[in-house]
Amino acid sequence: MERTSQVIGQSGAFLDALERASRAAALDRPVLVIGERGTGKELVAERLHRLSPRWDQPLVVMNCAALPETLIEAELFGHEAGAFTGAAKTRAGRFEEADGGTLFLDELGTLSMAAQDRLLRAVEYGEVTRIGASRPMRVDVRIVAATNEHLPDKVEAHEFRADLLDRLSFEVVTLPPLRARQADIMVLADHFGRRMAAEIGWDRWPGFGPAAVDALMQHRWPGNVRELRNVVERAVYRWEREGPVDAIEIDPFQSPFRPKGQSPAASAAVAAAPSTPAREEPSSGDEVAACEVGPSDFKSRVARFERELLAKSLADNRFNQRTTADALGLSYDQLRHALRRHDLIGTVA
C-alpha cells in the first residue's frame, strides 16, 4: 500500500494527531505512538523521520512481535560470529543499521524484560554491545516506538520497565480509531475505491450508492483503515453492474451455511451430531420462558449489555476515560476495571 493513502483525513482528532507528530519531528527526542491496529502508526513514524533533520539518513523498521524472544536481542543489537548456535558470522543489529537515522520499534509492548534492559541502556547512553562482543560501540539513533497496549498498565503488572517508559515518552502521539473519525470514512473509502477502479481498468469511478454508504458508515471498523481498505477494494472488484457501487460485504468469513456468529468448527460439530427426536413444547408460557432463559444465559445477556453500554458511552465521550467514568457515575478505577473485564482496553485511544 502507498503510505500516502493512510494520511488522508479531515477529522479534527486525526489532524490534531498529525500536527503533534509534525511538531515533535524537529526535536531529537524519542516519541511514542499509540493506536489500535490499522490506524497508521508506521505512517506517523515515517512522518516523524521525513520531517526531522535525519530525513536523509536511514529509517529502520523492526516489528518486535514478529520474532521469537530468543532472537529479539540479536536482531536489535547484532552478534559476533559464534556468539550462539547458528551465528556463523558477525551481523550488525538494527541499531547499527539506523546509525544517524531513526529506528522505529513497532509492537514495543511485546519486548521481554531482558530486551527492555538493554534497550534502556542504548537509549540512555547511546551505546550498544553485540551479543558475544566485549566492548560497546557508539550509535546515534532516534527512537520512535509504537504500541496498541496501555503501557502504564503493563508497568503496574511488572511487565514493562517504568524507567524505559519514561525515557521513551518524551512525546506521546495518540492516533484515533476510525470509529472516532466519522468524517473520514467516506473520504478514505472514495480514495481506495478510485485506486481499485483504476487498477482493474475502469474508465471512470462511479462512486458509492446509498446502501453502500450506509453500510460503511454504520460499521465500527475494529480493523480501522486497513480493514476499510480491504472492504472497499473487495466491493469494487466484485461489482459488475453499471452505476455506483452499492453492495458491501463487511465480513467475508460469514458463511451462508452456518448461523451468524457460529464458527466453522461449531457448524461441523452440529452437522456430525446424531439427530434427536423433537421434544414436545411446554404448554405453560412460564415453562417456555424458563427453558429459554437459564441461569447461564442470564449472565451472558447481562455481560453483553454491560459491554455494549461501556462501548457506547466511550464512543459518546470521544474515548476519554475520565469523561466516560463521570457519565456512567463510576470512579476512574471502577471504569478501568470494567474495561479490562470486558476486554475493551484496546479500544481506548
Protein backbone atom coordinates (compact mmCIF):
# COMPACT_ATOMS: atom_id res chain seq x y z
CA MET A 1 0.00 0.00 0.00
CA GLU A 2 1.19 3.52 -0.72
CA ARG A 3 1.82 5.23 2.59
CA THR A 4 0.16 8.42 1.38
CA SER A 5 -3.17 6.57 1.32
CA GLN A 6 -3.41 6.40 5.08
CA VAL A 7 -2.57 10.05 5.72
CA ILE A 8 -5.81 11.15 4.08
CA GLY A 9 -8.26 12.60 6.54
CA GLN A 10 -10.04 15.76 7.64
CA SER A 11 -11.43 14.95 11.08
CA GLY A 12 -10.22 17.11 13.93
CA ALA A 13 -8.90 14.23 16.04
CA PHE A 14 -6.80 12.88 13.17
CA LEU A 15 -5.43 16.27 12.14
CA ASP A 16 -4.54 17.04 15.76
CA ALA A 17 -2.50 13.82 15.96
CA LEU A 18 -0.67 14.63 12.73
CA GLU A 19 0.05 18.16 13.94
CA ARG A 20 1.50 16.83 17.19
CA ALA A 21 3.73 14.43 15.25
CA SER A 22 4.87 17.22 12.92
CA ARG A 23 5.84 19.47 15.83
CA ALA A 24 7.77 16.68 17.54
CA ALA A 25 9.64 15.78 14.35
CA ALA A 26 12.13 18.65 14.64
CA LEU A 27 13.23 17.68 18.16
CA ASP A 28 15.76 14.89 18.51
CA ARG A 29 13.79 13.10 21.23
CA PRO A 30 12.01 9.74 21.48
CA VAL A 31 8.34 9.63 20.51
CA LEU A 32 5.75 7.01 21.48
CA VAL A 33 2.90 6.44 19.02
CA ILE A 34 -0.23 4.81 20.44
CA GLY A 35 -3.12 3.43 18.43
CA GLU A 36 -5.14 0.36 17.54
CA ARG A 37 -4.12 -1.96 14.73
CA GLY A 38 -4.62 -0.43 11.32
CA THR A 39 -4.62 3.21 12.46
CA GLY A 40 -1.35 4.12 10.71
CA LYS A 41 1.32 4.05 13.41
CA GLU A 42 4.10 3.22 10.94
CA LEU A 43 2.94 6.09 8.75
CA VAL A 44 3.35 8.51 11.66
CA ALA A 45 6.82 7.10 12.35
CA GLU A 46 7.76 7.80 8.74
CA ARG A 47 6.33 11.30 9.02
CA LEU A 48 8.42 11.93 12.14
CA HIS A 49 11.52 10.79 10.27
CA ARG A 50 10.90 12.64 7.00
CA LEU A 51 10.22 15.94 8.77
CA SER A 52 13.25 15.63 11.03
CA PRO A 53 16.87 16.72 10.41
CA ARG A 54 17.58 13.00 9.92
CA TRP A 55 15.37 12.78 6.82
CA ASP A 56 18.30 11.78 4.53
CA GLN A 57 19.53 9.04 6.86
CA PRO A 58 18.15 5.50 7.28
CA LEU A 59 14.69 4.78 8.67
CA VAL A 60 14.91 1.23 10.02
CA VAL A 61 11.71 -0.60 10.96
CA MET A 62 11.50 -3.54 13.36
CA ASN A 63 8.33 -5.32 14.48
CA CYS A 64 9.12 -6.55 17.99
CA ALA A 65 6.29 -9.10 17.84
CA ALA A 66 7.49 -10.71 14.61
CA LEU A 67 10.48 -12.52 16.12
CA PRO A 68 10.78 -15.09 18.91
CA GLU A 69 12.05 -13.75 22.22
CA THR A 70 15.35 -15.60 21.81
CA LEU A 71 16.21 -13.63 18.65
CA ILE A 72 14.98 -10.14 19.59
CA GLU A 73 18.22 -9.03 21.27
CA ALA A 74 20.38 -10.36 18.44
CA GLU A 75 18.17 -8.56 15.93
CA LEU A 76 18.31 -5.27 17.84
CA PHE A 77 21.96 -5.24 18.87
CA GLY A 78 23.66 -7.65 16.47
CA HIS A 79 26.00 -10.53 17.30
CA GLU A 80 29.53 -11.75 16.81
CA ALA A 81 30.36 -14.95 14.93
CA GLY A 82 29.96 -17.95 17.23
CA ALA A 83 28.05 -16.00 19.89
CA PHE A 84 25.34 -18.66 19.90
CA THR A 85 24.27 -21.72 17.95
CA GLY A 86 23.62 -20.73 14.34
CA ALA A 87 25.61 -17.47 14.50
CA ALA A 88 28.00 -18.43 11.70
CA LYS A 89 29.16 -14.87 11.01
CA THR A 90 29.12 -11.42 12.56
CA ARG A 91 25.94 -9.45 11.95
CA ALA A 92 25.11 -5.82 12.65
CA GLY A 93 21.90 -5.14 14.56
CA ARG A 94 19.09 -2.69 13.82
CA PHE A 95 20.70 -0.01 15.99
CA GLU A 96 23.85 -0.07 13.86
CA GLU A 97 21.80 -0.07 10.65
CA ALA A 98 19.91 3.01 11.86
CA ASP A 99 23.04 4.91 12.97
CA GLY A 100 22.49 8.58 12.12
CA GLY A 101 18.82 7.99 11.41
CA THR A 102 15.63 6.70 13.04
CA LEU A 103 14.76 3.29 14.48
CA PHE A 104 11.03 2.51 14.54
CA LEU A 105 10.12 -0.19 17.08
CA ASP A 106 6.61 -1.43 16.40
CA GLU A 107 4.70 -3.52 18.99
CA LEU A 108 7.02 -2.23 21.72
CA GLY A 109 4.91 -3.79 24.47
CA THR A 110 5.91 -7.32 23.42
CA LEU A 111 9.60 -6.85 24.29
CA SER A 112 10.93 -9.13 27.01
CA MET A 113 12.25 -7.60 30.24
CA ALA A 114 15.80 -8.58 29.26
CA ALA A 115 15.49 -6.79 25.91
CA GLN A 116 13.98 -3.79 27.70
CA ASP A 117 17.04 -3.61 29.97
CA ARG A 118 19.40 -3.48 27.01
CA LEU A 119 17.17 -1.06 25.12
CA LEU A 120 17.16 1.32 28.11
CA ARG A 121 20.97 1.38 28.16
CA ALA A 122 21.09 2.03 24.43
CA VAL A 123 18.65 4.93 24.76
CA GLU A 124 20.32 6.37 27.89
CA TYR A 125 23.94 6.16 26.82
CA GLY A 126 23.86 5.81 23.04
CA GLU A 127 25.83 2.55 23.25
CA VAL A 128 25.08 -0.98 22.07
CA THR A 129 27.04 -4.17 22.54
CA ARG A 130 26.71 -7.01 20.09
CA ILE A 131 25.95 -10.37 21.64
CA GLY A 132 29.30 -12.07 22.19
CA ALA A 133 31.30 -8.82 22.00
CA SER A 134 33.35 -7.47 24.88
CA ARG A 135 33.13 -3.75 24.15
CA PRO A 136 30.22 -1.44 23.35
CA MET A 137 30.03 0.81 20.30
CA ARG A 138 28.55 4.29 19.99
CA VAL A 139 25.43 4.82 17.89
CA ASP A 140 23.41 7.93 17.11
CA VAL A 141 19.81 6.78 16.75
CA ARG A 142 16.46 8.44 17.33
CA ILE A 143 13.83 6.04 18.70
CA VAL A 144 10.21 6.11 17.61
CA ALA A 145 8.17 3.34 19.23
CA ALA A 146 4.57 2.24 18.77
CA THR A 147 2.11 0.06 20.64
CA ASN A 148 -1.59 -0.73 20.84
CA GLU A 149 -1.26 -1.63 24.53
CA HIS A 150 -1.68 0.57 27.59
CA LEU A 151 1.91 0.56 28.82
CA PRO A 152 1.19 2.11 32.26
CA ASP A 153 -0.94 -0.98 32.96
CA LYS A 154 1.96 -3.20 31.95
CA VAL A 155 4.22 -1.21 34.29
CA GLU A 156 1.79 -1.84 37.15
CA ALA A 157 1.78 -5.54 36.27
CA HIS A 158 5.63 -5.53 36.29
CA GLU A 159 5.69 -6.45 32.59
CA PHE A 160 7.26 -3.21 31.38
CA ARG A 161 10.03 -1.08 32.86
CA ALA A 162 8.79 2.24 34.25
CA ASP A 163 12.14 3.94 33.58
CA LEU A 164 12.10 2.83 29.94
CA LEU A 165 8.55 4.11 29.51
CA ASP A 166 9.58 7.45 31.00
CA ARG A 167 12.56 7.62 28.66
CA LEU A 168 10.61 6.83 25.50
CA SER A 169 7.56 9.01 26.14
CA PHE A 170 9.03 12.48 25.69
CA GLU A 171 6.09 12.97 23.34
CA VAL A 172 3.08 10.69 23.00
CA VAL A 173 1.03 10.78 19.80
CA THR A 174 -2.33 9.03 20.09
CA LEU A 175 -3.97 8.06 16.81
CA PRO A 176 -7.78 7.96 16.93
CA PRO A 177 -9.56 4.80 15.78
CA LEU A 178 -11.59 5.10 12.58
CA ARG A 179 -14.88 4.95 14.51
CA ALA A 180 -13.84 8.27 16.11
CA ARG A 181 -13.15 9.72 12.64
CA GLN A 182 -16.63 9.54 11.11
CA ALA A 183 -15.90 12.44 8.76
CA ASP A 184 -13.01 10.47 7.24
CA ILE A 185 -14.76 7.18 6.47
CA MET A 186 -16.20 8.15 3.09
CA VAL A 187 -13.17 10.28 2.20
CA LEU A 188 -10.94 7.24 2.65
CA ALA A 189 -13.46 4.89 1.03
CA ASP A 190 -13.64 7.10 -2.05
CA HIS A 191 -9.83 7.19 -2.27
CA PHE A 192 -9.50 3.41 -2.02
CA GLY A 193 -12.39 2.93 -4.46
CA ARG A 194 -10.80 5.19 -7.10
CA ARG A 195 -7.46 3.41 -6.79
CA MET A 196 -9.04 -0.02 -7.15
CA ALA A 197 -11.18 1.09 -10.09
CA ALA A 198 -8.06 2.33 -11.90
CA GLU A 199 -6.18 -0.88 -11.06
CA ILE A 200 -8.84 -3.11 -12.66
CA GLY A 201 -9.22 -0.85 -15.70
CA TRP A 202 -12.48 1.03 -15.15
CA ASP A 203 -12.91 4.07 -17.37
CA ARG A 204 -14.28 6.16 -14.52
CA TRP A 205 -15.09 5.95 -10.84
CA PRO A 206 -18.90 5.95 -10.30
CA GLY A 207 -18.78 6.38 -6.51
CA PHE A 208 -20.91 4.56 -3.93
CA GLY A 209 -24.66 4.07 -3.79
CA PRO A 210 -26.79 4.82 -0.70
CA ALA A 211 -26.83 1.22 0.58
CA ALA A 212 -23.04 1.03 0.42
CA VAL A 213 -22.62 4.40 2.12
CA ASP A 214 -24.96 3.33 4.90
CA ALA A 215 -23.09 0.05 5.44
CA LEU A 216 -19.72 1.81 5.53
CA MET A 217 -20.89 4.47 7.96
CA GLN A 218 -22.64 2.04 10.32
CA HIS A 219 -19.74 -0.40 10.77
CA ARG A 220 -17.49 0.02 13.83
CA TRP A 221 -14.24 -0.80 11.93
CA PRO A 222 -12.27 -2.73 14.57
CA GLY A 223 -9.50 -3.13 11.97
CA ASN A 224 -9.58 0.61 11.24
CA VAL A 225 -8.18 1.99 7.95
CA ARG A 226 -6.62 -1.34 6.94
CA GLU A 227 -9.98 -3.10 7.26
CA LEU A 228 -11.78 -0.31 5.39
CA ARG A 229 -9.36 -0.58 2.50
CA ASN A 230 -9.92 -4.35 2.19
CA VAL A 231 -13.71 -3.99 2.32
CA VAL A 232 -13.79 -1.24 -0.31
CA GLU A 233 -11.36 -2.91 -2.71
CA ARG A 234 -13.26 -6.20 -2.48
CA ALA A 235 -16.57 -4.42 -3.17
CA VAL A 236 -15.19 -2.60 -6.23
CA TYR A 237 -13.61 -5.62 -7.87
CA ARG A 238 -16.79 -7.69 -7.37
CA TRP A 239 -19.10 -5.01 -8.76
CA GLU A 240 -20.18 -5.92 -12.29
CA ARG A 241 -23.11 -3.57 -12.88
CA GLU A 242 -23.44 -0.06 -14.22
CA GLY A 243 -23.64 2.86 -11.84
CA PRO A 244 -22.40 3.42 -8.30
CA VAL A 245 -21.04 0.53 -6.24
CA ASP A 246 -23.90 -0.35 -3.92
CA ALA A 247 -23.06 -3.72 -2.39
CA ILE A 248 -20.68 -4.02 0.57
CA GLU A 249 -19.60 -7.24 2.24
CA ILE A 250 -18.13 -6.35 5.62
CA ASP A 251 -17.42 -9.90 6.81
CA PRO A 252 -16.15 -12.23 4.04
CA PHE A 253 -15.93 -15.11 6.52
CA GLN A 254 -19.66 -15.25 7.23
CA SER A 255 -20.75 -18.49 5.57
CA PRO A 256 -24.33 -18.77 4.30
CA PHE A 257 -24.33 -22.38 5.55
CA ARG A 258 -23.99 -21.68 9.26
CA PRO A 259 -25.75 -19.47 11.79
CA LYS A 260 -24.33 -15.99 12.16
CA GLY A 261 -21.56 -15.89 14.75
CA GLN A 262 -21.02 -19.65 14.79
CA SER A 263 -17.54 -20.88 13.88
CA PRO A 264 -16.99 -23.40 11.04
CA ALA A 265 -15.85 -25.97 13.62
CA ALA A 266 -19.06 -25.50 15.58
CA SER A 267 -21.12 -25.88 12.41
CA ALA A 268 -19.28 -29.11 11.58
CA ALA A 269 -19.89 -30.42 15.09
CA VAL A 270 -23.60 -29.69 14.79
CA ALA A 271 -23.75 -31.44 11.40
CA ALA A 272 -21.94 -34.51 12.75
CA ALA A 273 -24.10 -34.84 15.88
CA PRO A 274 -26.81 -37.54 15.76
CA SER A 275 -30.30 -36.21 15.35
CA THR A 276 -32.65 -36.42 18.33
CA PRO A 277 -36.42 -36.62 18.36
CA ALA A 278 -38.16 -33.30 18.67
CA ARG A 279 -39.18 -32.51 22.22
CA GLU A 280 -42.75 -31.58 22.98
CA GLU A 281 -43.15 -27.89 23.69
CA PRO A 282 -44.24 -26.99 27.24
CA SER A 283 -47.82 -25.91 27.40
CA SER A 284 -47.25 -23.21 30.01
CA GLY A 285 -45.88 -19.82 29.00
CA ASP A 286 -43.89 -19.74 32.24
CA GLU A 287 -42.29 -23.08 31.41
CA VAL A 288 -41.31 -21.82 27.96
CA ALA A 289 -39.65 -18.78 29.47
CA ALA A 290 -37.81 -20.94 31.97
CA CYS A 291 -36.50 -23.18 29.19
CA GLU A 292 -35.41 -20.26 27.00
CA VAL A 293 -33.56 -18.29 29.67
CA GLY A 294 -31.46 -20.33 32.07
CA PRO A 295 -29.02 -19.02 34.67
CA SER A 296 -26.03 -19.14 32.33
CA ASP A 297 -27.97 -17.37 29.58
CA PHE A 298 -29.00 -14.66 32.04
CA LYS A 299 -25.37 -13.98 32.99
CA SER A 300 -24.24 -13.81 29.37
CA ARG A 301 -27.02 -11.38 28.49
CA VAL A 302 -26.16 -9.11 31.41
CA ALA A 303 -22.46 -9.20 30.47
CA ARG A 304 -23.28 -8.43 26.84
CA PHE A 305 -25.48 -5.48 27.84
CA GLU A 306 -22.78 -4.12 30.16
CA ARG A 307 -20.14 -4.38 27.42
CA GLU A 308 -22.37 -2.63 24.88
CA LEU A 309 -23.16 0.13 27.39
CA LEU A 310 -19.46 0.69 28.08
CA ALA A 311 -18.58 0.73 24.37
CA LYS A 312 -21.37 3.19 23.52
CA SER A 313 -20.51 5.52 26.40
CA LEU A 314 -16.84 5.51 25.35
CA ALA A 315 -17.80 6.45 21.80
CA ASP A 316 -20.22 9.15 23.00
CA ASN A 317 -17.44 10.66 25.11
CA ARG A 318 -14.80 10.52 22.36
CA PHE A 319 -12.96 7.67 24.15
CA ASN A 320 -11.98 9.91 27.07
CA GLN A 321 -11.97 7.56 30.05
CA ARG A 322 -12.43 10.18 32.77
CA THR A 323 -15.38 11.77 30.99
CA THR A 324 -16.86 8.33 30.39
CA ALA A 325 -16.47 7.42 34.06
CA ASP A 326 -18.29 10.63 35.09
CA ALA A 327 -21.08 9.98 32.58
CA LEU A 328 -21.63 6.46 33.97
CA GLY A 329 -21.38 7.52 37.61
CA LEU A 330 -18.25 5.44 38.16
CA SER A 331 -14.86 6.25 39.58
CA TYR A 332 -11.94 6.19 37.15
CA ASP A 333 -10.62 2.96 38.74
CA GLN A 334 -14.04 1.31 38.53
CA LEU A 335 -14.26 2.16 34.84
CA ARG A 336 -10.74 0.82 34.17
CA HIS A 337 -11.64 -2.41 35.94
CA ALA A 338 -14.81 -2.78 33.87
CA LEU A 339 -12.96 -2.08 30.61
CA ARG A 340 -10.36 -4.74 31.43
CA ARG A 341 -13.07 -7.25 32.39
CA HIS A 342 -14.79 -6.79 29.02
CA ASP A 343 -11.55 -6.61 27.01
CA LEU A 344 -12.21 -3.04 25.92
CA ILE A 345 -8.85 -1.53 26.92
CA GLY A 346 -7.57 -1.91 23.33
CA THR A 347 -10.49 0.22 22.02
CA VAL A 348 -9.48 3.22 24.12
CA ALA A 349 -7.33 5.80 22.38
